[in-house]
Protein backbone atom coordinates (compact mmCIF):
# COMPACT_ATOMS: atom_id res chain seq x y z
CA MET A 1 184.10 -59.65 -159.66
CA THR A 2 183.28 -60.18 -163.32
CA TYR A 3 180.72 -57.81 -164.83
CA GLU A 4 177.95 -59.41 -166.88
CA LEU A 5 176.78 -57.37 -169.87
CA TYR A 6 173.46 -58.31 -171.42
CA TYR A 7 172.72 -57.16 -174.96
CA TRP A 8 171.45 -58.67 -178.21
CA ASP A 9 173.95 -60.87 -179.99
CA GLY A 10 175.04 -59.87 -183.50
CA ILE A 11 174.75 -56.06 -183.32
CA PRO A 12 176.88 -53.35 -181.68
CA GLY A 13 173.84 -51.22 -180.80
CA ARG A 14 173.50 -49.51 -177.43
CA GLY A 15 175.59 -52.25 -175.85
CA GLU A 16 178.66 -50.95 -177.65
CA PHE A 17 178.75 -47.79 -175.54
CA ILE A 18 179.25 -50.01 -172.51
CA ARG A 19 181.66 -52.44 -174.19
CA LEU A 20 183.98 -49.58 -175.11
CA ALA A 21 184.18 -48.42 -171.49
CA LEU A 22 184.80 -51.95 -170.21
CA GLU A 23 187.44 -52.57 -172.86
CA GLN A 24 189.28 -49.30 -172.28
CA ALA A 25 189.37 -49.97 -168.55
CA GLY A 26 190.62 -53.52 -169.03
CA ALA A 27 187.68 -54.69 -166.94
CA ASP A 28 186.80 -58.34 -166.50
CA TYR A 29 183.42 -58.83 -168.19
CA VAL A 30 181.30 -61.37 -170.01
CA ASP A 31 179.15 -60.47 -173.03
CA VAL A 32 176.48 -62.93 -171.91
CA ALA A 33 174.29 -63.27 -175.00
CA ARG A 34 177.29 -64.18 -177.14
CA ASN A 35 177.90 -67.34 -175.13
CA ASP A 36 176.06 -70.66 -175.33
CA GLY A 37 172.66 -70.29 -173.70
CA GLY A 38 173.23 -66.60 -173.15
CA MET A 39 170.23 -65.34 -175.11
CA ALA A 40 167.91 -67.65 -173.16
CA ARG A 41 169.45 -66.45 -169.93
CA MET A 42 168.94 -62.81 -170.89
CA MET A 43 165.31 -63.38 -171.87
CA ALA A 44 164.66 -65.28 -168.63
CA MET A 45 165.90 -62.32 -166.62
CA MET A 46 163.60 -59.92 -168.47
CA ASN A 47 160.63 -62.28 -168.08
CA ASN A 48 161.19 -62.96 -164.38
CA ASN A 49 157.94 -61.86 -162.69
CA MET A 50 159.22 -62.74 -159.22
CA ALA A 51 162.14 -60.30 -159.09
CA GLY A 52 160.38 -56.97 -158.58
CA VAL A 53 161.76 -54.35 -160.96
CA VAL A 54 163.31 -56.10 -163.95
CA PRO A 55 164.92 -54.60 -167.08
CA LEU A 56 162.48 -53.70 -169.85
CA ALA A 57 165.10 -54.31 -172.53
CA PRO A 58 168.85 -54.63 -172.93
CA PRO A 59 171.42 -53.34 -172.38
CA PHE A 60 171.65 -54.10 -168.71
CA LEU A 61 174.60 -54.90 -166.50
CA LYS A 62 174.82 -57.32 -163.58
CA ASP A 63 177.38 -56.63 -160.88
CA GLY A 64 176.96 -59.20 -158.16
CA ASP A 65 173.33 -58.99 -157.07
CA LEU A 66 172.83 -55.54 -158.57
CA VAL A 67 171.23 -55.16 -162.01
CA ILE A 68 171.47 -51.77 -163.76
CA SER A 69 169.51 -50.98 -166.93
CA HIS A 70 169.88 -48.33 -169.67
CA ALA A 71 173.20 -47.47 -171.28
CA ALA A 72 173.56 -44.00 -169.74
CA ASN A 73 172.64 -45.32 -166.29
CA ILE A 74 175.15 -48.17 -166.61
CA LEU A 75 177.91 -45.75 -167.60
CA LEU A 76 177.03 -43.49 -164.67
CA TYR A 77 177.47 -46.52 -162.41
CA LEU A 78 180.68 -47.70 -164.06
CA GLY A 79 182.31 -44.31 -164.56
CA ASN A 80 184.12 -43.96 -161.24
CA ARG A 81 184.65 -47.69 -160.85
CA LEU A 82 186.49 -47.80 -164.18
CA ARG A 83 188.19 -44.40 -163.67
CA LEU A 84 186.42 -43.04 -166.73
CA ALA A 85 184.50 -40.21 -165.07
CA PRO A 86 185.30 -36.95 -163.31
CA GLU A 87 186.03 -37.27 -159.60
CA ASP A 88 183.58 -34.63 -158.36
CA GLU A 89 179.79 -34.78 -158.16
CA ALA A 90 179.29 -31.86 -160.54
CA GLY A 91 181.48 -33.67 -163.07
CA TRP A 92 179.49 -36.91 -162.69
CA MET A 93 176.26 -35.08 -163.41
CA THR A 94 177.72 -33.20 -166.36
CA ALA A 95 179.00 -36.45 -167.86
CA HIS A 96 175.63 -38.09 -167.29
CA GLY A 97 173.85 -35.17 -168.95
CA LEU A 98 176.09 -35.44 -172.02
CA GLN A 99 175.48 -39.19 -172.17
CA LEU A 100 171.73 -38.62 -171.98
CA SER A 101 172.04 -36.22 -174.92
CA ILE A 102 173.84 -38.99 -176.81
CA THR A 103 170.95 -41.30 -175.89
CA ASP A 104 168.46 -38.80 -177.33
CA PHE A 105 170.47 -38.55 -180.53
CA VAL A 106 170.74 -42.32 -180.87
CA ALA A 107 166.94 -42.57 -180.63
CA GLU A 108 166.60 -40.06 -183.49
CA ILE A 109 169.15 -41.99 -185.58
CA HIS A 110 167.14 -45.18 -185.04
CA ASP A 111 163.94 -43.41 -186.07
CA THR A 112 165.33 -42.50 -189.48
CA HIS A 113 164.74 -46.10 -190.57
CA HIS A 114 161.90 -46.97 -188.19
CA PRO A 115 159.83 -43.78 -187.83
CA ILE A 116 156.47 -45.54 -187.40
CA GLY A 117 157.13 -48.65 -185.32
CA VAL A 118 159.89 -51.05 -184.34
CA SER A 119 157.61 -54.03 -185.00
CA LEU A 120 157.32 -53.10 -188.68
CA TYR A 121 159.89 -53.89 -191.34
CA TYR A 122 161.79 -50.98 -192.87
CA GLU A 123 160.03 -51.67 -196.18
CA ASP A 124 156.66 -51.17 -194.47
CA GLN A 125 157.54 -47.59 -193.53
CA LYS A 126 159.97 -46.62 -196.26
CA ASP A 127 158.09 -43.52 -197.44
CA GLU A 128 157.96 -42.17 -193.90
CA ALA A 129 161.62 -43.07 -193.41
CA LEU A 130 162.62 -41.05 -196.47
CA ARG A 131 160.92 -37.96 -195.02
CA ARG A 132 162.31 -38.54 -191.56
CA ALA A 133 165.85 -39.06 -192.86
CA GLU A 134 165.72 -35.85 -194.88
CA ASN A 135 164.75 -33.88 -191.78
CA PHE A 136 167.43 -35.70 -189.79
CA ARG A 137 170.19 -34.89 -192.29
CA GLU A 138 169.21 -31.26 -192.66
CA GLU A 139 168.22 -30.30 -189.13
CA ARG A 140 168.79 -32.86 -186.40
CA LEU A 141 172.27 -34.12 -187.29
CA PRO A 142 173.83 -30.62 -187.44
CA LYS A 143 171.99 -29.63 -184.25
CA PHE A 144 173.39 -32.54 -182.22
CA LEU A 145 176.86 -32.65 -183.77
CA GLY A 146 177.16 -28.90 -183.36
CA TYR A 147 176.24 -29.22 -179.69
CA PHE A 148 178.80 -31.97 -179.06
CA GLU A 149 181.47 -30.07 -180.99
CA LYS A 150 180.99 -27.12 -178.62
CA GLN A 151 181.55 -29.35 -175.59
CA LEU A 152 184.96 -30.52 -176.77
CA VAL A 153 188.17 -28.80 -175.74
CA LYS A 154 191.63 -29.28 -177.25
CA SER A 155 194.46 -29.13 -174.75
CA SER A 156 197.90 -27.65 -175.29
CA GLN A 157 199.11 -31.24 -175.79
CA GLY A 158 196.68 -31.68 -178.66
CA GLN A 159 194.34 -34.06 -176.82
CA VAL A 160 190.59 -33.59 -177.21
CA HIS A 161 188.13 -34.33 -174.40
CA ALA A 162 184.55 -33.57 -173.51
CA LEU A 163 185.27 -33.10 -169.81
CA GLY A 164 188.48 -31.75 -168.36
CA ALA A 165 191.88 -33.02 -169.41
CA THR A 166 191.35 -36.77 -169.08
CA LEU A 167 189.51 -39.47 -171.00
CA THR A 168 185.95 -40.22 -169.89
CA TYR A 169 183.24 -42.58 -171.04
CA VAL A 170 181.64 -39.64 -172.85
CA ASP A 171 184.67 -39.47 -175.18
CA LEU A 172 184.33 -43.19 -175.90
CA SER A 173 180.63 -42.80 -176.60
CA LEU A 174 181.23 -39.91 -178.99
CA PHE A 175 183.75 -42.11 -180.79
CA HIS A 176 181.10 -44.80 -181.32
CA LEU A 177 178.51 -42.20 -182.33
CA VAL A 178 180.75 -40.89 -185.12
CA GLU A 179 181.62 -44.44 -186.21
CA GLY A 180 177.96 -45.34 -186.48
CA LEU A 181 177.05 -42.19 -188.41
CA ARG A 182 179.90 -42.78 -190.85
CA TYR A 183 178.47 -46.24 -191.50
CA ALA A 184 174.81 -45.22 -191.78
CA PHE A 185 175.24 -41.86 -193.55
CA PRO A 186 178.61 -41.96 -195.32
CA SER A 187 177.88 -39.25 -197.91
CA THR A 188 176.26 -36.98 -195.35
CA MET A 189 179.16 -37.35 -192.94
CA THR A 190 181.80 -36.82 -195.62
CA ALA A 191 180.17 -33.48 -196.37
CA ALA A 192 179.50 -32.57 -192.74
CA GLU A 193 182.67 -33.56 -190.90
CA PRO A 194 184.78 -30.51 -191.87
CA ASP A 195 182.33 -28.52 -189.72
CA TYR A 196 183.18 -30.68 -186.69
CA PRO A 197 186.99 -30.92 -186.54
CA LEU A 198 187.15 -31.65 -182.82
CA LEU A 199 184.74 -34.57 -183.10
CA ALA A 200 186.84 -35.96 -185.95
CA ALA A 201 190.02 -35.45 -183.92
CA LEU A 202 188.51 -37.16 -180.88
CA ASN A 203 187.45 -40.12 -183.02
CA ALA A 204 190.98 -40.53 -184.38
CA GLN A 205 192.46 -40.13 -180.90
CA VAL A 206 190.24 -42.81 -179.32
CA ARG A 207 190.89 -45.20 -182.20
CA GLU A 208 194.61 -45.17 -181.34
CA LEU A 209 194.22 -45.91 -177.64
CA PRO A 210 196.08 -49.23 -177.20
CA ARG A 211 193.21 -51.14 -175.61
CA ILE A 212 190.62 -49.72 -178.00
CA LYS A 213 192.86 -50.42 -180.98
CA ALA A 214 193.25 -54.03 -179.86
CA TYR A 215 189.51 -54.34 -179.27
CA LEU A 216 188.65 -52.98 -182.73
CA ALA A 217 190.95 -55.57 -184.30
CA SER A 218 189.47 -58.43 -182.27
CA ASP A 219 186.45 -60.67 -182.85
CA ARG A 220 184.83 -59.11 -179.78
CA ARG A 221 184.07 -56.04 -181.92
CA LEU A 222 180.80 -56.59 -183.78
CA ALA A 223 180.44 -55.09 -187.25
CA PHE A 224 177.70 -52.62 -188.07
CA ASN A 225 174.85 -54.20 -190.00
CA GLU A 226 171.25 -53.67 -191.01
CA GLU A 227 169.85 -55.20 -187.84
CA GLY A 228 171.05 -52.56 -185.41
CA ILE A 229 170.60 -48.87 -184.68
CA PHE A 230 173.05 -47.65 -187.31
CA ARG A 231 171.84 -49.02 -190.66
CA TYR A 232 172.98 -48.12 -194.13
CA TYR A 233 170.20 -47.58 -196.64
CA PRO A 234 171.59 -45.58 -199.59
CA GLU A 235 168.26 -43.86 -200.24
CA LEU A 236 168.32 -42.36 -196.74
CA ASP A 237 171.78 -40.90 -197.28
CA ARG A 238 171.01 -38.73 -200.30
CA SER A 239 172.85 -35.43 -200.11
């Protein structure tokens, strides 16, 4: 059965964590909002007052009659089905915990440019964003990247993984995390990356996976821009 992914059209955002897993697995899926009438269909699902529990916001995934919301929750659901998760229960929970830590970090990245409110323009909270970004660059970014670096292990074959000796959705998510940070904070990341060699190695390794490489070269891959989570504002990237 074809998976239906619901996320805002035009931005990679949180939906990209799920796209990468679907693409690497060669899964049959539809990126609904990027098709004619898809945005209206997505909004109708969120505004459906007759369906009991409905998604608060995208991303959410529809698999038959089942609707799963939140990126980490979706990846927990898809992990075994796509063979991108450990096979044991302890491994599932460890992967989910790491993905939730990625979720926390993504929220802090978003708040560098919208520290006051998502309904306000960046220009309406620029002073606060400058302060928040400084704290992020100096304290939060090294805290999270240092934590993820410690989770990675390099095998005797030179492969880097977060869990065991095989690729998981956590590896794919860390790839996207580094990609987004390189876009939003290029100067900061240029200076910081030598401290995180395993994260850099994992990023390069995932980029060369045949299905991911083909996806990155395709029009299915949405470019980073100033409408999503990872936004480049030079003044926030001062080193």
